Protein backbone atom coordinates (compact mmCIF):
# COMPACT_ATOMS: atom_id res chain seq x y z
CA UNK A 1 0.00 0.00 0.00
CA UNK A 2 1.36 3.41 -0.99
CA UNK A 3 1.78 5.53 2.13
CA UNK A 4 0.61 8.83 0.71
CA UNK A 5 0.53 11.31 3.58
CA UNK A 6 -2.23 13.91 3.69
CA UNK A 7 -2.86 16.71 6.13
CA UNK A 8 -5.66 18.94 7.34
CA UNK A 9 -5.20 22.43 8.75
CA UNK A 10 -6.85 23.54 11.98
CA UNK A 11 -7.83 27.17 11.14
CA UNK A 12 -8.94 28.24 14.62
CA UNK A 13 -5.66 27.10 16.17
CA UNK A 14 -3.64 28.78 13.43
CA UNK A 15 -5.53 32.08 13.73
CA UNK A 16 -5.18 32.01 17.52
CA UNK A 17 -1.44 31.43 17.21
CA UNK A 18 -1.02 34.23 14.65
CA UNK A 19 -2.85 36.60 17.01
CA UNK A 20 -0.46 35.58 19.80
CA UNK A 21 2.58 36.33 17.63
CA UNK A 22 1.08 39.67 16.53
CA UNK A 23 0.40 40.63 20.18
CA UNK A 24 3.96 39.74 21.14
CA UNK A 25 5.42 41.88 18.33
CA UNK A 26 3.12 44.78 19.28
CA UNK A 27 4.30 44.64 22.90
CA UNK A 28 7.91 44.54 21.74
CA UNK A 29 7.50 47.84 19.87
CA UNK A 30 5.74 49.38 22.85
CA UNK A 31 8.04 48.11 25.62
CA UNK A 32 11.27 47.61 23.60
CA UNK A 33 11.97 44.35 25.50
CA UNK A 34 14.57 42.02 23.99
CA UNK A 35 12.82 39.12 25.75
CA UNK A 36 9.69 39.82 23.73
CA UNK A 37 11.82 39.94 20.57
CA UNK A 38 13.31 36.54 21.44
CA UNK A 39 9.81 35.20 22.08
CA UNK A 40 8.63 36.46 18.68
CA UNK A 41 11.55 34.70 16.95
CA UNK A 42 10.88 31.44 18.81
CA UNK A 43 7.14 31.62 18.17
CA UNK A 44 7.76 32.20 14.46
CA UNK A 45 10.12 29.20 14.23
CA UNK A 46 8.23 26.65 16.33
CA UNK A 47 5.32 26.04 13.88
CA UNK A 48 7.74 24.89 11.16
CA UNK A 49 9.54 22.56 13.56
CA UNK A 50 6.23 21.18 14.88
CA UNK A 51 4.74 20.58 11.42
CA UNK A 52 7.94 19.07 9.97
CA UNK A 53 8.21 16.79 13.01
CA UNK A 54 4.62 15.60 12.57
CA UNK A 55 5.23 14.67 8.92
CA UNK A 56 8.51 12.93 9.76
CA UNK A 57 6.99 10.98 12.64
CA UNK A 58 3.94 9.94 10.62
CA UNK A 59 6.11 8.71 7.77
CA UNK A 60 8.32 6.52 9.99
CA UNK A 61 5.68 5.22 12.38
CA UNK A 62 4.48 1.62 12.09
CA UNK A 63 1.16 0.30 13.43
CA UNK A 64 0.68 -3.33 14.46
CA UNK A 65 -2.27 -5.37 15.71
CA UNK A 66 -1.92 -7.91 18.49
CA UNK A 67 -4.58 -10.61 19.02
CA UNK A 68 -4.00 -13.22 21.71
CA UNK A 69 -5.75 -16.13 19.93
CA UNK A 70 -7.78 -16.66 16.82
CA UNK A 71 -10.45 -19.04 18.16
CA UNK A 72 -12.76 -18.19 21.05
CA UNK A 73 -15.81 -19.61 22.73
CA UNK A 74 -19.13 -17.79 22.87
CA UNK A 75 -19.12 -15.11 25.58
CA UNK A 76 -15.35 -15.16 26.04
CA UNK A 77 -13.32 -11.95 26.38
CA UNK A 78 -10.34 -11.13 24.20
CA UNK A 79 -7.68 -8.46 24.58
CA UNK A 80 -6.98 -6.63 21.32
CA UNK A 81 -3.80 -4.57 21.39
CA UNK A 82 -2.77 -1.74 19.08
CA UNK A 83 0.99 -1.10 18.99
CA UNK A 84 2.61 2.03 17.52
CA UNK A 85 6.35 1.79 16.86
CA UNK A 86 8.03 5.18 16.46
CA UNK A 87 11.59 5.01 15.11
CA UNK A 88 12.36 8.75 15.33
CA UNK A 89 13.11 11.07 18.26
CA UNK A 90 9.97 13.12 17.85
CA UNK A 91 6.77 12.50 19.83
CA UNK A 92 3.09 13.20 19.20
CA UNK A 93 0.78 14.13 22.04
CA UNK A 94 -2.31 12.83 20.25
CA UNK A 95 -2.90 10.21 17.58
CA UNK A 96 -5.96 8.25 16.55
CA UNK A 97 -6.75 5.02 14.71
CA UNK A 98 -10.20 4.13 13.43
CA UNK A 99 -10.79 0.41 14.07
CA UNK A 100 -13.60 -1.58 12.43
CA UNK A 101 -14.73 -4.86 13.99
CA UNK A 102 -16.94 -6.75 11.53
CA UNK A 103 -18.83 -10.01 11.79
CA UNK A 104 -18.57 -11.26 8.23
CA UNK A 105 -21.06 -14.10 8.84
CA UNK A 106 -23.86 -12.05 10.41
CA UNK A 107 -22.92 -9.03 8.25
CA UNK A 108 -22.68 -6.33 10.91
CA UNK A 109 -19.90 -4.18 12.27
CA UNK A 110 -18.96 -1.63 14.90
CA UNK A 111 -16.47 1.23 14.73
CA UNK A 112 -14.16 2.49 17.44
CA UNK A 113 -11.79 5.47 17.33
CA UNK A 114 -8.75 4.82 19.51
CA UNK A 115 -6.69 7.77 20.72
CA UNK A 116 -3.26 7.54 22.30
CA UNK A 117 0.03 9.50 22.54
CA UNK A 118 3.10 8.47 20.54
CA UNK A 119 6.37 8.07 22.38
CA UNK A 120 9.60 9.47 20.97
CA UNK A 121 11.73 6.59 19.67
CA UNK A 122 9.69 3.91 21.43
CA UNK A 123 6.61 1.75 21.36
CA UNK A 124 3.17 2.84 22.51
CA UNK A 125 0.47 0.30 23.35
CA UNK A 126 -3.27 0.48 23.81
CA UNK A 127 -5.28 -2.57 24.85
CA UNK A 128 -9.01 -3.06 24.39
CA UNK A 129 -11.00 -5.85 25.97
CA UNK A 130 -13.97 -7.16 23.94
CA UNK A 131 -16.56 -9.74 24.96
CA UNK A 132 -17.88 -11.67 21.96
CA UNK A 133 -21.57 -12.42 22.42
CA UNK A 134 -22.26 -13.45 18.81
CA UNK A 135 -21.05 -16.40 16.80
CA UNK A 136 -19.19 -15.84 13.57
CA UNK A 137 -15.98 -14.70 11.97
CA UNK A 138 -14.85 -11.31 13.27
CA UNK A 139 -12.32 -9.22 11.37
CA UNK A 140 -10.43 -6.46 13.16
CA UNK A 141 -9.01 -3.94 10.73
CA UNK A 142 -7.78 -0.36 10.49
CA UNK A 143 -6.89 1.52 7.33
CA UNK A 144 -6.13 5.10 8.47
CA UNK A 145 -3.82 6.56 11.08
CA UNK A 146 -3.69 10.24 12.02
CA UNK A 147 -1.68 12.33 14.44
CA UNK A 148 -1.64 15.91 15.56
CA UNK A 149 1.55 17.98 15.64
CA UNK A 150 2.78 19.14 19.04
CA UNK A 151 1.34 22.62 18.63
CA UNK A 152 -2.00 21.32 17.31
CA UNK A 153 -1.88 23.30 14.05
CA UNK A 154 -2.42 20.43 11.61
CA UNK A 155 -3.57 16.81 11.54
CA UNK A 156 -1.46 14.44 9.42
CA UNK A 157 -2.98 11.23 8.01
CA UNK A 158 -1.61 8.19 6.23
CA UNK A 159 -3.09 4.83 5.16
CA UNK A 160 -2.18 1.73 7.15
CA UNK A 161 -3.04 -1.92 6.64
CA UNK A 162 -3.55 -3.95 9.79
CA UNK A 163 -5.92 -6.91 9.81
CA UNK A 164 -6.71 -9.76 12.17
CA UNK A 165 -9.49 -12.30 12.48
CA UNK A 166 -11.21 -14.15 15.30
CA UNK A 167 -13.57 -17.13 15.07
CA UNK A 168 -16.20 -17.47 17.79
CA UNK A 169 -17.50 -21.01 18.32
CA UNK A 170 -20.44 -22.19 20.46
CA UNK A 171 -18.04 -23.99 22.83
CA UNK A 172 -19.42 -24.03 26.38
CA UNK A 173 -22.79 -22.80 25.10
CA UNK A 174 -23.23 -26.29 23.67
CA UNK A 175 -21.92 -28.23 26.68
CA UNK A 176 -25.23 -30.04 27.28
CA UNK A 177 -24.80 -32.78 24.69
CA UNK A 178 -28.08 -34.25 23.39
CA UNK A 179 -28.93 -37.95 23.44
CA UNK A 180 -28.19 -39.18 19.93
CA UNK A 181 -29.14 -42.83 20.45
CA UNK A 182 -32.42 -42.49 18.57
CA UNK A 183 -30.72 -40.79 15.63
CA UNK A 184 -28.15 -43.56 15.34
CA UNK A 185 -30.79 -46.27 15.70
CA UNK A 186 -32.96 -44.63 13.04
CA UNK A 187 -30.04 -44.35 10.62
CA UNK A 188 -29.15 -47.99 11.21
CA UNK A 189 -32.72 -49.15 10.52
CA UNK A 190 -32.92 -47.20 7.27
CA UNK A 191 -29.53 -48.49 6.22
CA UNK A 192 -30.57 -52.08 6.86
CA UNK A 193 -33.83 -51.73 4.96
CA UNK A 194 -32.48 -49.88 1.91
CA UNK A 195 -28.84 -50.83 1.36
CA UNK A 196 -28.46 -54.01 -0.65
CA UNK A 197 -26.15 -56.51 1.01
CA UNK A 198 -26.38 -55.00 4.47
CA UNK A 199 -29.78 -56.24 5.65
CA UNK A 200 -30.12 -58.43 8.74
CA UNK A 201 -30.40 -61.67 6.78
CA UNK A 202 -26.78 -61.35 5.69
CA UNK A 203 -25.38 -60.74 9.17
CA UNK A 204 -22.91 -63.50 9.94
CA UNK A 205 -23.03 -63.30 13.74
CA UNK A 206 -24.12 -61.28 16.80
CA UNK A 207 -21.62 -60.57 19.57
CA UNK A 208 -21.03 -58.18 22.46
CA UNK A 209 -19.82 -54.68 21.74
CA UNK A 210 -16.03 -54.15 21.93
CA UNK A 211 -14.56 -50.61 22.18
CA UNK A 212 -13.52 -49.65 18.66
CA UNK A 213 -16.53 -51.20 16.93
CA UNK A 214 -18.50 -48.94 14.62
CA UNK A 215 -21.65 -47.48 16.14
CA UNK A 216 -23.70 -48.32 13.06
CA UNK A 217 -22.95 -52.04 13.51
CA UNK A 218 -24.82 -52.07 16.84
CA UNK A 219 -28.06 -54.07 16.71
CA UNK A 220 -30.29 -51.79 18.73
CA UNK A 221 -33.30 -54.10 19.08
CA UNK A 222 -31.31 -57.02 20.44
CA UNK A 223 -29.26 -54.65 22.61
CA UNK A 224 -32.48 -53.34 24.17
CA UNK A 225 -33.61 -56.90 25.01
CA UNK A 226 -30.24 -57.97 26.38
CA UNK A 227 -29.58 -54.68 28.29
CA UNK A 228 -26.10 -54.53 26.76
CA UNK A 229 -24.70 -53.45 23.42
CA UNK A 230 -24.67 -56.18 20.80
CA UNK A 231 -22.82 -55.82 17.49
CA UNK A 232 -23.64 -57.29 14.09
CA UNK A 233 -20.74 -58.97 12.33
CA UNK A 234 -21.12 -58.76 8.57
CA UNK A 235 -19.35 -60.34 5.67
CA UNK A 236 -18.92 -56.86 4.16
CA UNK A 237 -20.07 -53.51 5.50
CA UNK A 238 -19.94 -49.95 4.13
CA UNK A 239 -18.46 -46.94 5.92
CA UNK A 240 -20.74 -44.62 7.85
CA UNK A 241 -21.11 -41.00 8.83
CA UNK A 242 -23.89 -38.81 10.16
CA UNK A 243 -24.95 -35.99 7.83
CA UNK A 244 -26.12 -32.73 9.44
CA UNK A 245 -27.82 -30.13 7.26
CA UNK A 246 -27.88 -26.54 8.56
CA UNK A 247 -31.17 -25.13 7.26
CA UNK A 248 -30.53 -21.44 7.93
CA UNK A 249 -33.12 -18.66 7.90
CA UNK A 250 -32.60 -14.92 7.56
CA UNK A 251 -32.58 -14.21 11.28
CA UNK A 252 -29.39 -13.64 13.26
CA UNK A 253 -30.68 -15.06 16.54
CA UNK A 254 -32.20 -18.12 14.88
CA UNK A 255 -29.02 -18.75 12.88
CA UNK A 256 -26.98 -18.74 16.09
CA UNK A 257 -29.39 -21.18 17.74
CA UNK A 258 -29.05 -23.49 14.73
CA UNK A 259 -25.26 -23.26 14.88
CA UNK A 260 -25.20 -23.93 18.62
CA UNK A 261 -27.47 -26.96 18.50
CA UNK A 262 -25.68 -28.42 15.48
CA UNK A 263 -22.37 -28.00 17.29
CA UNK A 264 -23.63 -29.89 20.34
CA UNK A 265 -25.14 -32.58 18.10
CA UNK A 266 -21.86 -33.00 16.19
CA UNK A 267 -19.91 -33.17 19.47
CA UNK A 268 -22.23 -35.92 20.71
CA UNK A 269 -21.69 -38.00 17.56
CA UNK A 270 -17.93 -37.46 17.70
CA UNK A 271 -17.93 -38.64 21.34
CA UNK A 272 -19.54 -41.83 20.00
CA UNK A 273 -16.72 -42.06 17.43
CA UNK A 274 -19.14 -41.50 14.58
CA UNK A 275 -17.81 -39.17 11.85
CA UNK A 276 -19.96 -36.19 10.92
CA UNK A 277 -20.56 -34.45 7.60
CA UNK A 278 -21.93 -30.91 7.85
CA UNK A 279 -23.85 -29.64 4.83
CA UNK A 280 -24.28 -25.90 4.16
CA UNK A 281 -25.74 -24.19 1.13
CA UNK A 282 -23.40 -21.99 -0.93
CA UNK A 283 -25.45 -19.52 -2.95
CA UNK A 284 -22.47 -18.02 -4.81
CA UNK A 285 -21.51 -21.42 -6.28
CA UNK A 286 -25.06 -22.84 -6.20
CA UNK A 287 -24.03 -26.02 -4.46
CA UNK A 288 -23.68 -27.56 -1.02
CA UNK A 289 -20.42 -27.25 0.88
CA UNK A 290 -19.47 -30.51 2.57
CA UNK A 291 -17.36 -30.40 5.72
CA UNK A 292 -16.30 -33.72 7.26
CA UNK A 293 -15.03 -33.94 10.80
CA UNK A 294 -14.18 -36.73 13.23
CA UNK A 295 -12.63 -34.70 16.06
CA UNK A 296 -13.22 -31.50 18.00
CA UNK A 297 -10.38 -29.78 16.14
CA UNK A 298 -11.89 -30.69 12.77
CA UNK A 299 -15.31 -29.51 13.97
CA UNK A 300 -13.82 -26.13 14.94
CA UNK A 301 -12.22 -25.91 11.49
CA UNK A 302 -15.58 -26.77 9.91
CA UNK A 303 -17.27 -23.87 11.67
CA UNK A 304 -14.46 -21.55 10.61
CA UNK A 305 -15.18 -22.50 7.00
CA UNK A 306 -18.94 -22.09 7.44
CA UNK A 307 -18.39 -18.54 8.76
CA UNK A 308 -16.42 -17.48 5.70
CA UNK A 309 -19.60 -16.86 3.71
CA UNK A 310 -22.26 -14.41 4.93
CA UNK A 311 -25.51 -15.79 6.33
CA UNK A 312 -27.49 -14.60 3.29
CA UNK A 313 -25.34 -16.84 1.06
CA UNK A 314 -26.14 -19.87 3.25
CA UNK A 315 -29.93 -19.62 2.90
CA UNK A 316 -32.04 -21.58 0.43
CA UNK A 317 -35.68 -22.36 1.17
CA UNK A 318 -35.51 -25.29 -1.27
CA UNK A 319 -32.49 -26.80 0.46
CA UNK A 320 -34.16 -30.07 1.49
CA UNK A 321 -35.43 -30.64 -2.04
CA UNK A 322 -32.02 -29.89 -3.52
CA UNK A 323 -30.30 -32.39 -1.24
CA UNK A 324 -32.10 -35.15 -3.14
CA UNK A 325 -30.78 -33.77 -6.44
CA UNK A 326 -27.20 -33.23 -5.31
CA UNK A 327 -26.87 -36.38 -3.18
CA UNK A 328 -29.04 -39.09 -4.75
CA UNK A 329 -27.25 -41.89 -2.86
CA UNK A 330 -27.68 -40.31 0.57
CA UNK A 331 -30.20 -42.34 2.57
CA UNK A 332 -30.85 -40.20 5.64
CA UNK A 333 -29.72 -36.90 7.12
CA UNK A 334 -30.48 -34.77 10.14
CA UNK A 335 -32.00 -31.37 9.40
CA UNK A 336 -31.47 -28.60 11.96
CA UNK A 337 -33.75 -25.65 11.19
CA UNK A 338 -36.30 -23.23 12.58
CA UNK A 339 -40.04 -23.83 12.91
CA UNK A 340 -42.61 -21.83 14.87
CA UNK A 341 -39.87 -19.70 16.40
CA UNK A 342 -37.80 -22.56 17.82
CA UNK A 343 -35.08 -24.87 16.59
CA UNK A 344 -36.44 -28.11 15.15
CA UNK A 345 -34.30 -31.19 14.66
CA UNK A 346 -35.36 -34.28 12.75
CA UNK A 347 -33.97 -37.20 10.85
CA UNK A 348 -35.26 -37.21 7.29
CA UNK A 349 -35.11 -39.78 4.52
CA UNK A 350 -33.60 -38.37 1.36
CA UNK A 351 -36.29 -38.31 -1.34
């Protein structure tokens, strides 16, 4: 970025200072005091020194952004630090940076003007503590820096380019993990009844569950009768994953409820060692984005990718119909959406 420095005069300050110089010169001619003459010379010289120093400082000053971590949980506080590094021996009593904090997913932003002095040949720091009460991808950026010369006669500005980003996940807001037994049982029943070669008649044996067995191989009906988990041994079985479709609506609060519940649902499946595939509509490419995750770290990365598009690009009222067109071999999926003002979750058969 070209650092083209601009300035703006402060007419009232300049006029006031010129009146002060004129009054000093008038008193010199009346009183014939050499002290007043010396004062007039100093007062005539100081504006040039002050203005030149402001331009020199502004040109050599570097602005940096410090963010402690890039991933936060809902409601967590974060310290954002602005650092000004001045490499010259000339200070500034007042400087300002306009900082924009935008939520690119929910498409809103706030502006803050930060003011701080600039040390001579040193580093100045200003820390701001923010509590993030919305989910999404937040960008912290500033593009203009300005400072005032020591005498306050002009304001010098130059473009800067500092940018940081923070991802806010549901985290502790989704600590209460739902019971996913019914979802897994339902998926298993549909799989058995529709997938050729995997129905119950071709099961080679039934045995007790051993840690490491796939959840989908559990025979839920026999397990309920025996009061312990029983696993179906097959000659050949297909891989499995639970598909979660985020059916967003154009409402910030509802979208966050959908994100939170889906996060807790995905965590519950991952705890059961069942991989998850998150489906989100992508309006710009007119397709579904697929995000697969089998661990908490991969789930956090999935949400980071979901946040990269704005909410309006994730909405399609015909999403459930389009799933059948885009994924004809998908048997079942869980739809998390909004109905009658509350989040509704259901397992659907792909039509």
